Full PDB file with SEQRES, HELIX, SHEET, SSBOND, CRYST1, ORIGX, SCALE, CONECT and MASTER records, all heavy atoms in Angstrom:
SEQRES   1 A   36  VAL GLY ALA ARG VAL THR LEU LEU ASP GLY ALA LEU SER          
SEQRES   2 A   36  LEU ASN PRO THR VAL PHE GLN LEU GLN GLN LYS ASP LEU          
SEQRES   3 A   36  GLN VAL ARG ARG GLU ILE VAL GLU ALA GLY                      
HELIX    1 AA1 LEU A    8  GLY A   10  5                                   3    
SHEET    1 AA1 2 VAL A   5  LEU A   7  0                                        
SHEET    2 AA1 2 LEU A  12  LEU A  14 -1                                        
CRYST1    1.000    1.000    1.000  90.00  90.00  90.00 P 1           1          
ORIGX1      1.000000  0.000000  0.000000        0.00000                         
ORIGX2      0.000000  1.000000  0.000000        0.00000                         
ORIGX3      0.000000  0.000000  1.000000        0.00000                         
SCALE1      1.000000  0.000000  0.000000        0.00000                         
SCALE2      0.000000  1.000000  0.000000        0.00000                         
SCALE3      0.000000  0.000000  1.000000        0.00000                         
ATOM      1  N   VAL A   1      -1.902 -13.268 -10.988  1.00  0.00           N  
ATOM      2  CA  VAL A   1      -0.907 -14.164 -11.308  1.00  0.00           C  
ATOM      3  C   VAL A   1       0.240 -13.635 -10.374  1.00  0.00           C  
ATOM      4  O   VAL A   1       0.630 -12.413 -10.371  1.00  0.00           O  
ATOM      5  CB  VAL A   1      -0.391 -14.200 -12.738  1.00  0.00           C  
ATOM      6  CG1 VAL A   1       0.870 -15.051 -12.903  1.00  0.00           C  
ATOM      7  CG2 VAL A   1      -1.397 -14.705 -13.690  1.00  0.00           C  
ATOM      8  N   GLY A   2       0.967 -14.538  -9.615  1.00  0.00           N  
ATOM      9  CA  GLY A   2       1.993 -14.107  -8.708  1.00  0.00           C  
ATOM     10  C   GLY A   2       2.979 -15.233  -8.428  1.00  0.00           C  
ATOM     11  O   GLY A   2       2.893 -16.348  -8.976  1.00  0.00           O  
ATOM     12  N   ALA A   3       3.937 -14.830  -7.499  1.00  0.00           N  
ATOM     13  CA  ALA A   3       4.951 -15.729  -7.260  1.00  0.00           C  
ATOM     14  C   ALA A   3       5.372 -15.460  -5.728  1.00  0.00           C  
ATOM     15  O   ALA A   3       5.140 -14.434  -5.232  1.00  0.00           O  
ATOM     16  CB  ALA A   3       6.153 -15.696  -8.158  1.00  0.00           C  
ATOM     17  N   ARG A   4       5.948 -16.421  -5.158  1.00  0.00           N  
ATOM     18  CA  ARG A   4       6.594 -16.251  -3.733  1.00  0.00           C  
ATOM     19  C   ARG A   4       7.977 -16.805  -3.849  1.00  0.00           C  
ATOM     20  O   ARG A   4       8.266 -18.041  -4.202  1.00  0.00           O  
ATOM     21  CB  ARG A   4       5.826 -17.166  -2.685  1.00  0.00           C  
ATOM     22  CG  ARG A   4       4.301 -16.767  -2.655  1.00  0.00           C  
ATOM     23  CD  ARG A   4       4.125 -15.546  -1.907  1.00  0.00           C  
ATOM     24  NE  ARG A   4       2.780 -15.296  -1.703  1.00  0.00           N  
ATOM     25  CZ  ARG A   4       1.930 -14.449  -2.511  1.00  0.00           C  
ATOM     26  NH1 ARG A   4       2.516 -14.029  -3.687  1.00  0.00           N  
ATOM     27  NH2 ARG A   4       0.740 -14.209  -2.107  1.00  0.00           N  
ATOM     28  N   VAL A   5       8.939 -15.851  -3.729  1.00  0.00           N  
ATOM     29  CA  VAL A   5      10.338 -16.195  -3.936  1.00  0.00           C  
ATOM     30  C   VAL A   5      11.159 -15.975  -2.657  1.00  0.00           C  
ATOM     31  O   VAL A   5      10.917 -14.889  -1.960  1.00  0.00           O  
ATOM     32  CB  VAL A   5      11.023 -15.239  -5.054  1.00  0.00           C  
ATOM     33  CG1 VAL A   5      12.514 -15.649  -5.216  1.00  0.00           C  
ATOM     34  CG2 VAL A   5      10.093 -15.486  -6.414  1.00  0.00           C  
ATOM     35  N   THR A   6      11.889 -16.892  -2.255  1.00  0.00           N  
ATOM     36  CA  THR A   6      12.807 -16.816  -0.975  1.00  0.00           C  
ATOM     37  C   THR A   6      14.277 -16.898  -1.476  1.00  0.00           C  
ATOM     38  O   THR A   6      14.675 -17.755  -2.041  1.00  0.00           O  
ATOM     39  CB  THR A   6      12.363 -17.855   0.117  1.00  0.00           C  
ATOM     40  OG1 THR A   6      10.921 -17.733   0.466  1.00  0.00           O  
ATOM     41  CG2 THR A   6      13.317 -17.679   1.260  1.00  0.00           C  
ATOM     42  N   LEU A   7      15.057 -15.830  -0.931  1.00  0.00           N  
ATOM     43  CA  LEU A   7      16.446 -15.786  -1.322  1.00  0.00           C  
ATOM     44  C   LEU A   7      17.277 -15.681   0.034  1.00  0.00           C  
ATOM     45  O   LEU A   7      16.705 -15.354   1.003  1.00  0.00           O  
ATOM     46  CB  LEU A   7      16.715 -14.650  -2.118  1.00  0.00           C  
ATOM     47  CG  LEU A   7      15.937 -14.684  -3.620  1.00  0.00           C  
ATOM     48  CD1 LEU A   7      16.118 -13.515  -4.336  1.00  0.00           C  
ATOM     49  CD2 LEU A   7      16.309 -15.974  -4.451  1.00  0.00           C  
ATOM     50  N   LEU A   8      18.484 -15.584  -0.174  1.00  0.00           N  
ATOM     51  CA  LEU A   8      19.564 -15.412   0.803  1.00  0.00           C  
ATOM     52  C   LEU A   8      19.187 -16.162   2.128  1.00  0.00           C  
ATOM     53  O   LEU A   8      19.159 -15.721   3.378  1.00  0.00           O  
ATOM     54  CB  LEU A   8      19.607 -13.913   1.213  1.00  0.00           C  
ATOM     55  CG  LEU A   8      19.900 -13.044   0.172  1.00  0.00           C  
ATOM     56  CD1 LEU A   8      19.769 -11.636   0.561  1.00  0.00           C  
ATOM     57  CD2 LEU A   8      21.196 -13.216  -0.463  1.00  0.00           C  
ATOM     58  N   ASP A   9      19.101 -17.555   1.989  1.00  0.00           N  
ATOM     59  CA  ASP A   9      18.774 -18.519   3.104  1.00  0.00           C  
ATOM     60  C   ASP A   9      17.544 -18.016   3.915  1.00  0.00           C  
ATOM     61  O   ASP A   9      17.532 -18.225   5.140  1.00  0.00           O  
ATOM     62  CB  ASP A   9      20.062 -18.704   4.013  1.00  0.00           C  
ATOM     63  CG  ASP A   9      21.042 -19.242   3.178  1.00  0.00           C  
ATOM     64  OD1 ASP A   9      20.876 -20.190   2.369  1.00  0.00           O  
ATOM     65  OD2 ASP A   9      22.360 -18.968   3.573  1.00  0.00           O  
ATOM     66  N   GLY A  10      16.617 -17.398   3.115  1.00  0.00           N  
ATOM     67  CA  GLY A  10      15.331 -17.101   3.946  1.00  0.00           C  
ATOM     68  C   GLY A  10      15.345 -15.690   4.419  1.00  0.00           C  
ATOM     69  O   GLY A  10      14.336 -15.173   4.916  1.00  0.00           O  
ATOM     70  N   ALA A  11      16.377 -14.989   4.294  1.00  0.00           N  
ATOM     71  CA  ALA A  11      16.513 -13.556   4.817  1.00  0.00           C  
ATOM     72  C   ALA A  11      15.705 -12.652   3.930  1.00  0.00           C  
ATOM     73  O   ALA A  11      15.316 -11.470   4.312  1.00  0.00           O  
ATOM     74  CB  ALA A  11      18.030 -13.112   4.893  1.00  0.00           C  
ATOM     75  N   LEU A  12      15.565 -12.907   2.680  1.00  0.00           N  
ATOM     76  CA  LEU A  12      14.922 -12.055   1.658  1.00  0.00           C  
ATOM     77  C   LEU A  12      13.727 -12.705   1.068  1.00  0.00           C  
ATOM     78  O   LEU A  12      13.857 -13.859   0.543  1.00  0.00           O  
ATOM     79  CB  LEU A  12      15.791 -11.563   0.711  1.00  0.00           C  
ATOM     80  CG  LEU A  12      15.136 -10.708  -0.495  1.00  0.00           C  
ATOM     81  CD1 LEU A  12      14.724  -9.369   0.090  1.00  0.00           C  
ATOM     82  CD2 LEU A  12      16.203 -10.500  -1.620  1.00  0.00           C  
ATOM     83  N   SER A  13      12.495 -12.121   1.138  1.00  0.00           N  
ATOM     84  CA  SER A  13      11.316 -12.496   0.562  1.00  0.00           C  
ATOM     85  C   SER A  13      10.819 -11.733  -0.572  1.00  0.00           C  
ATOM     86  O   SER A  13      10.607 -10.516  -0.199  1.00  0.00           O  
ATOM     87  CB  SER A  13      10.205 -13.055   1.588  1.00  0.00           C  
ATOM     88  OG  SER A  13      10.681 -14.005   2.432  1.00  0.00           O  
ATOM     89  N   LEU A  14      10.441 -12.113  -1.795  1.00  0.00           N  
ATOM     90  CA  LEU A  14       9.837 -11.264  -2.769  1.00  0.00           C  
ATOM     91  C   LEU A  14       8.559 -11.753  -3.252  1.00  0.00           C  
ATOM     92  O   LEU A  14       8.478 -13.086  -3.519  1.00  0.00           O  
ATOM     93  CB  LEU A  14      10.760 -11.107  -3.943  1.00  0.00           C  
ATOM     94  CG  LEU A  14      12.105 -10.576  -3.577  1.00  0.00           C  
ATOM     95  CD1 LEU A  14      13.065 -10.513  -4.928  1.00  0.00           C  
ATOM     96  CD2 LEU A  14      12.011  -9.000  -3.309  1.00  0.00           C  
ATOM     97  N   ASN A  15       7.531 -11.058  -3.389  1.00  0.00           N  
ATOM     98  CA  ASN A  15       6.173 -11.487  -3.874  1.00  0.00           C  
ATOM     99  C   ASN A  15       5.713 -10.598  -4.840  1.00  0.00           C  
ATOM    100  O   ASN A  15       4.961  -9.626  -4.549  1.00  0.00           O  
ATOM    101  CB  ASN A  15       5.240 -11.567  -2.515  1.00  0.00           C  
ATOM    102  CG  ASN A  15       5.754 -12.440  -1.428  1.00  0.00           C  
ATOM    103  OD1 ASN A  15       6.210 -13.390  -1.638  1.00  0.00           O  
ATOM    104  ND2 ASN A  15       5.379 -12.027  -0.169  1.00  0.00           N  
ATOM    105  N   PRO A  16       6.029 -10.789  -6.063  1.00  0.00           N  
ATOM    106  CA  PRO A  16       5.470 -10.039  -7.270  1.00  0.00           C  
ATOM    107  C   PRO A  16       4.025 -10.500  -7.626  1.00  0.00           C  
ATOM    108  O   PRO A  16       3.759 -11.748  -7.658  1.00  0.00           O  
ATOM    109  CB  PRO A  16       6.462 -10.221  -8.383  1.00  0.00           C  
ATOM    110  CG  PRO A  16       7.049 -11.583  -8.036  1.00  0.00           C  
ATOM    111  CD  PRO A  16       7.035 -11.773  -6.515  1.00  0.00           C  
ATOM    112  N   THR A  17       3.216  -9.662  -7.976  1.00  0.00           N  
ATOM    113  CA  THR A  17       1.738  -9.900  -8.360  1.00  0.00           C  
ATOM    114  C   THR A  17       1.341  -9.026  -9.479  1.00  0.00           C  
ATOM    115  O   THR A  17       1.639  -7.831  -9.380  1.00  0.00           O  
ATOM    116  CB  THR A  17       0.880  -9.781  -7.199  1.00  0.00           C  
ATOM    117  OG1 THR A  17       1.323 -10.623  -6.075  1.00  0.00           O  
ATOM    118  CG2 THR A  17      -0.521 -10.308  -7.543  1.00  0.00           C  
ATOM    119  N   VAL A  18       0.647  -9.589 -10.493  1.00  0.00           N  
ATOM    120  CA  VAL A  18      -0.069  -8.870 -11.418  1.00  0.00           C  
ATOM    121  C   VAL A  18      -1.471  -9.219 -11.565  1.00  0.00           C  
ATOM    122  O   VAL A  18      -1.812 -10.388 -11.305  1.00  0.00           O  
ATOM    123  CB  VAL A  18       0.549  -8.773 -12.910  1.00  0.00           C  
ATOM    124  CG1 VAL A  18       2.066  -8.193 -12.890  1.00  0.00           C  
ATOM    125  CG2 VAL A  18       0.630 -10.290 -13.443  1.00  0.00           C  
ATOM    126  N   PHE A  19      -2.434  -8.265 -11.773  1.00  0.00           N  
ATOM    127  CA  PHE A  19      -3.769  -8.746 -11.686  1.00  0.00           C  
ATOM    128  C   PHE A  19      -4.667  -7.911 -12.595  1.00  0.00           C  
ATOM    129  O   PHE A  19      -4.257  -6.815 -12.999  1.00  0.00           O  
ATOM    130  CB  PHE A  19      -4.318  -8.737 -10.230  1.00  0.00           C  
ATOM    131  CG  PHE A  19      -4.297  -7.351  -9.641  1.00  0.00           C  
ATOM    132  CD1 PHE A  19      -5.390  -6.420  -9.791  1.00  0.00           C  
ATOM    133  CD2 PHE A  19      -3.211  -6.929  -8.910  1.00  0.00           C  
ATOM    134  CE1 PHE A  19      -5.313  -5.203  -9.263  1.00  0.00           C  
ATOM    135  CE2 PHE A  19      -3.180  -5.667  -8.290  1.00  0.00           C  
ATOM    136  CZ  PHE A  19      -4.239  -4.892  -8.436  1.00  0.00           C  
ATOM    137  N   GLN A  20      -5.798  -8.303 -12.940  1.00  0.00           N  
ATOM    138  CA  GLN A  20      -6.876  -7.422 -13.614  1.00  0.00           C  
ATOM    139  C   GLN A  20      -8.288  -7.721 -12.942  1.00  0.00           C  
ATOM    140  O   GLN A  20      -8.652  -8.932 -12.722  1.00  0.00           O  
ATOM    141  CB  GLN A  20      -6.980  -7.873 -15.073  1.00  0.00           C  
ATOM    142  CG  GLN A  20      -7.958  -7.013 -15.854  1.00  0.00           C  
ATOM    143  CD  GLN A  20      -8.158  -7.455 -17.385  1.00  0.00           C  
ATOM    144  OE1 GLN A  20      -8.888  -8.351 -17.621  1.00  0.00           O  
ATOM    145  NE2 GLN A  20      -7.284  -6.851 -18.241  1.00  0.00           N  
ATOM    146  N   LEU A  21      -8.921  -6.621 -12.574  1.00  0.00           N  
ATOM    147  CA  LEU A  21     -10.147  -6.691 -11.977  1.00  0.00           C  
ATOM    148  C   LEU A  21     -11.301  -6.089 -12.846  1.00  0.00           C  
ATOM    149  O   LEU A  21     -11.029  -4.923 -13.388  1.00  0.00           O  
ATOM    150  CB  LEU A  21     -10.056  -5.739 -10.748  1.00  0.00           C  
ATOM    151  CG  LEU A  21     -11.477  -5.607  -9.978  1.00  0.00           C  
ATOM    152  CD1 LEU A  21     -11.890  -6.938  -9.374  1.00  0.00           C  
ATOM    153  CD2 LEU A  21     -11.253  -4.574  -8.858  1.00  0.00           C  
ATOM    154  N   GLN A  22     -12.248  -6.731 -13.199  1.00  0.00           N  
ATOM    155  CA  GLN A  22     -13.279  -6.433 -14.157  1.00  0.00           C  
ATOM    156  C   GLN A  22     -14.543  -6.224 -13.265  1.00  0.00           C  
ATOM    157  O   GLN A  22     -15.017  -7.137 -12.572  1.00  0.00           O  
ATOM    158  CB  GLN A  22     -13.466  -7.477 -15.318  1.00  0.00           C  
ATOM    159  CG  GLN A  22     -12.294  -7.768 -16.079  1.00  0.00           C  
ATOM    160  CD  GLN A  22     -12.504  -8.844 -17.061  1.00  0.00           C  
ATOM    161  OE1 GLN A  22     -13.517  -9.481 -17.162  1.00  0.00           O  
ATOM    162  NE2 GLN A  22     -11.572  -9.192 -17.771  1.00  0.00           N  
ATOM    163  N   GLN A  23     -15.068  -5.001 -13.314  1.00  0.00           N  
ATOM    164  CA  GLN A  23     -16.213  -4.685 -12.567  1.00  0.00           C  
ATOM    165  C   GLN A  23     -17.452  -4.300 -13.516  1.00  0.00           C  
ATOM    166  O   GLN A  23     -17.243  -3.556 -14.586  1.00  0.00           O  
ATOM    167  CB  GLN A  23     -15.987  -3.334 -11.657  1.00  0.00           C  
ATOM    168  CG  GLN A  23     -14.827  -3.766 -10.599  1.00  0.00           C  
ATOM    169  CD  GLN A  23     -14.428  -2.594 -10.021  1.00  0.00           C  
ATOM    170  OE1 GLN A  23     -13.467  -1.853 -10.673  1.00  0.00           O  
ATOM    171  NE2 GLN A  23     -14.685  -2.249  -8.755  1.00  0.00           N  
ATOM    172  N   LYS A  24     -18.693  -4.785 -13.187  1.00  0.00           N  
ATOM    173  CA  LYS A  24     -19.809  -4.405 -13.862  1.00  0.00           C  
ATOM    174  C   LYS A  24     -20.825  -3.607 -13.024  1.00  0.00           C  
ATOM    175  O   LYS A  24     -20.903  -3.971 -11.823  1.00  0.00           O  
ATOM    176  CB  LYS A  24     -20.595  -5.710 -14.406  1.00  0.00           C  
ATOM    177  CG  LYS A  24     -21.857  -5.499 -15.293  1.00  0.00           C  
ATOM    178  CD  LYS A  24     -22.313  -6.817 -15.712  1.00  0.00           C  
ATOM    179  CE  LYS A  24     -23.607  -6.603 -16.475  1.00  0.00           C  
ATOM    180  NZ  LYS A  24     -23.463  -5.729 -17.703  1.00  0.00           N  
ATOM    181  N   ASP A  25     -21.385  -2.599 -13.509  1.00  0.00           N  
ATOM    182  CA  ASP A  25     -22.282  -1.571 -12.832  1.00  0.00           C  
ATOM    183  C   ASP A  25     -21.552  -1.156 -11.599  1.00  0.00           C  
ATOM    184  O   ASP A  25     -21.904  -1.200 -10.462  1.00  0.00           O  
ATOM    185  CB  ASP A  25     -23.492  -2.459 -12.335  1.00  0.00           C  
ATOM    186  CG  ASP A  25     -24.465  -2.733 -13.506  1.00  0.00           C  
ATOM    187  OD1 ASP A  25     -24.549  -1.928 -14.504  1.00  0.00           O  
ATOM    188  OD2 ASP A  25     -25.209  -3.729 -13.395  1.00  0.00           O  
ATOM    189  N   LEU A  26     -20.346  -0.497 -11.869  1.00  0.00           N  
ATOM    190  CA  LEU A  26     -19.486   0.012 -10.927  1.00  0.00           C  
ATOM    191  C   LEU A  26     -20.223   1.028  -9.992  1.00  0.00           C  
ATOM    192  O   LEU A  26     -20.909   2.042 -10.472  1.00  0.00           O  
ATOM    193  CB  LEU A  26     -18.264   0.613 -11.526  1.00  0.00           C  
ATOM    194  CG  LEU A  26     -17.236   1.138 -10.666  1.00  0.00           C  
ATOM    195  CD1 LEU A  26     -16.600   0.147  -9.868  1.00  0.00           C  
ATOM    196  CD2 LEU A  26     -16.223   1.975 -11.536  1.00  0.00           C  
ATOM    197  N   GLN A  27     -20.124   0.846  -8.737  1.00  0.00           N  
ATOM    198  CA  GLN A  27     -20.641   1.871  -7.720  1.00  0.00           C  
ATOM    199  C   GLN A  27     -19.623   2.774  -7.513  1.00  0.00           C  
ATOM    200  O   GLN A  27     -18.542   2.526  -6.986  1.00  0.00           O  
ATOM    201  CB  GLN A  27     -21.066   1.108  -6.451  1.00  0.00           C  
ATOM    202  CG  GLN A  27     -22.178   0.110  -6.605  1.00  0.00           C  
ATOM    203  CD  GLN A  27     -22.493  -0.748  -5.407  1.00  0.00           C  
ATOM    204  OE1 GLN A  27     -21.970  -0.576  -4.279  1.00  0.00           O  
ATOM    205  NE2 GLN A  27     -23.397  -1.683  -5.428  1.00  0.00           N  
ATOM    206  N   VAL A  28     -20.003   4.180  -7.563  1.00  0.00           N  
ATOM    207  CA  VAL A  28     -19.082   5.295  -7.326  1.00  0.00           C  
ATOM    208  C   VAL A  28     -19.799   6.211  -6.473  1.00  0.00           C  
ATOM    209  O   VAL A  28     -21.009   6.546  -6.548  1.00  0.00           O  
ATOM    210  CB  VAL A  28     -18.769   5.924  -8.649  1.00  0.00           C  
ATOM    211  CG1 VAL A  28     -17.926   7.206  -8.386  1.00  0.00           C  
ATOM    212  CG2 VAL A  28     -17.948   4.980  -9.525  1.00  0.00           C  
ATOM    213  N   ARG A  29     -19.021   6.807  -5.403  1.00  0.00           N  
ATOM    214  CA  ARG A  29     -19.493   7.893  -4.615  1.00  0.00           C  
ATOM    215  C   ARG A  29     -19.485   9.214  -5.336  1.00  0.00           C  
ATOM    216  O   ARG A  29     -18.480   9.575  -6.020  1.00  0.00           O  
ATOM    217  CB  ARG A  29     -18.631   7.978  -3.313  1.00  0.00           C  
ATOM    218  CG  ARG A  29     -19.246   9.059  -2.438  1.00  0.00           C  
ATOM    219  CD  ARG A  29     -18.337   9.015  -1.107  1.00  0.00           C  
ATOM    220  NE  ARG A  29     -17.087   9.735  -1.428  1.00  0.00           N  
ATOM    221  CZ  ARG A  29     -16.087  10.015  -0.638  1.00  0.00           C  
ATOM    222  NH1 ARG A  29     -16.149   9.538   0.632  1.00  0.00           N  
ATOM    223  NH2 ARG A  29     -15.089  10.653  -0.902  1.00  0.00           N  
ATOM    224  N   ARG A  30     -20.679   9.895  -5.307  1.00  0.00           N  
ATOM    225  CA  ARG A  30     -20.714  11.192  -6.130  1.00  0.00           C  
ATOM    226  C   ARG A  30     -20.797  12.328  -5.087  1.00  0.00           C  
ATOM    227  O   ARG A  30     -21.287  12.173  -4.035  1.00  0.00           O  
ATOM    228  CB  ARG A  30     -22.051  11.228  -6.973  1.00  0.00           C  
ATOM    229  CG  ARG A  30     -21.988  10.288  -8.198  1.00  0.00           C  
ATOM    230  CD  ARG A  30     -23.128  10.740  -9.045  1.00  0.00           C  
ATOM    231  NE  ARG A  30     -22.926  12.098  -9.576  1.00  0.00           N  
ATOM    232  CZ  ARG A  30     -23.736  12.710 -10.353  1.00  0.00           C  
ATOM    233  NH1 ARG A  30     -24.980  12.204 -10.649  1.00  0.00           N  
ATOM    234  NH2 ARG A  30     -23.438  13.960 -10.820  1.00  0.00           N  
ATOM    235  N   GLU A  31     -20.183  13.392  -5.433  1.00  0.00           N  
ATOM    236  CA  GLU A  31     -20.268  14.601  -4.589  1.00  0.00           C  
ATOM    237  C   GLU A  31     -20.616  15.761  -5.630  1.00  0.00           C  
ATOM    238  O   GLU A  31     -19.751  16.069  -6.364  1.00  0.00           O  
ATOM    239  CB  GLU A  31     -18.978  14.903  -3.947  1.00  0.00           C  
ATOM    240  CG  GLU A  31     -18.716  13.866  -2.794  1.00  0.00           C  
ATOM    241  CD  GLU A  31     -17.543  14.115  -1.945  1.00  0.00           C  
ATOM    242  OE1 GLU A  31     -16.907  15.296  -2.157  1.00  0.00           O  
ATOM    243  OE2 GLU A  31     -17.092  13.483  -1.026  1.00  0.00           O  
ATOM    244  N   ILE A  32     -21.766  16.352  -5.480  1.00  0.00           N  
ATOM    245  CA  ILE A  32     -22.206  17.517  -6.265  1.00  0.00           C  
ATOM    246  C   ILE A  32     -22.771  18.686  -5.483  1.00  0.00           C  
ATOM    247  O   ILE A  32     -23.286  18.239  -4.386  1.00  0.00           O  
ATOM    248  CB  ILE A  32     -23.183  17.050  -7.467  1.00  0.00           C  
ATOM    249  CG1 ILE A  32     -24.513  16.494  -6.854  1.00  0.00           C  
ATOM    250  CG2 ILE A  32     -22.554  15.971  -8.377  1.00  0.00           C  
ATOM    251  CD1 ILE A  32     -25.550  16.173  -7.886  1.00  0.00           C  
ATOM    252  N   VAL A  33     -22.771  19.732  -6.020  1.00  0.00           N  
ATOM    253  CA  VAL A  33     -23.378  20.937  -5.305  1.00  0.00           C  
ATOM    254  C   VAL A  33     -24.478  21.452  -6.454  1.00  0.00           C  
ATOM    255  O   VAL A  33     -24.214  21.839  -7.475  1.00  0.00           O  
ATOM    256  CB  VAL A  33     -22.473  22.080  -5.106  1.00  0.00           C  
ATOM    257  CG1 VAL A  33     -23.136  23.211  -4.421  1.00  0.00           C  
ATOM    258  CG2 VAL A  33     -21.376  21.489  -4.078  1.00  0.00           C  
ATOM    259  N   GLU A  34     -25.732  21.521  -5.909  1.00  0.00           N  
ATOM    260  CA  GLU A  34     -26.796  22.158  -6.604  1.00  0.00           C  
ATOM    261  C   GLU A  34     -27.495  23.093  -5.897  1.00  0.00           C  
ATOM    262  O   GLU A  34     -27.942  22.811  -4.652  1.00  0.00           O  
ATOM    263  CB  GLU A  34     -27.727  21.012  -7.183  1.00  0.00           C  
ATOM    264  CG  GLU A  34     -27.231  20.127  -8.230  1.00  0.00           C  
ATOM    265  CD  GLU A  34     -28.307  19.202  -8.889  1.00  0.00           C  
ATOM    266  OE1 GLU A  34     -29.417  19.342  -8.365  1.00  0.00           O  
ATOM    267  OE2 GLU A  34     -27.975  18.389  -9.736  1.00  0.00           O  
ATOM    268  N   ALA A  35     -27.808  24.333  -6.369  1.00  0.00           N  
ATOM    269  CA  ALA A  35     -28.558  25.333  -5.607  1.00  0.00           C  
ATOM    270  C   ALA A  35     -27.998  25.554  -4.039  1.00  0.00           C  
ATOM    271  O   ALA A  35     -28.771  25.751  -3.191  1.00  0.00           O  
ATOM    272  CB  ALA A  35     -29.970  25.006  -5.621  1.00  0.00           C  
ATOM    273  N   GLY A  36     -26.665  25.592  -4.061  1.00  0.00           N  
ATOM    274  CA  GLY A  36     -25.970  25.764  -2.869  1.00  0.00           C  
ATOM    275  C   GLY A  36     -25.964  24.716  -1.893  1.00  0.00           C  
ATOM    276  O   GLY A  36     -25.567  24.733  -0.699  1.00  0.00           O  
TER     277      GLY A  36                                                      
MASTER        0    0    0    1    2    0    0    6  276    1    0    3          
END                                                                             
């Protein structure tokens, strides 16, 4: 959900946004050390 707001005769632009991302079976990079 967001908005596009223009103020000061176009000299100022504001773009606020909020969001939710839902991920299933998330892929993650692993870094581990085993036996050196």
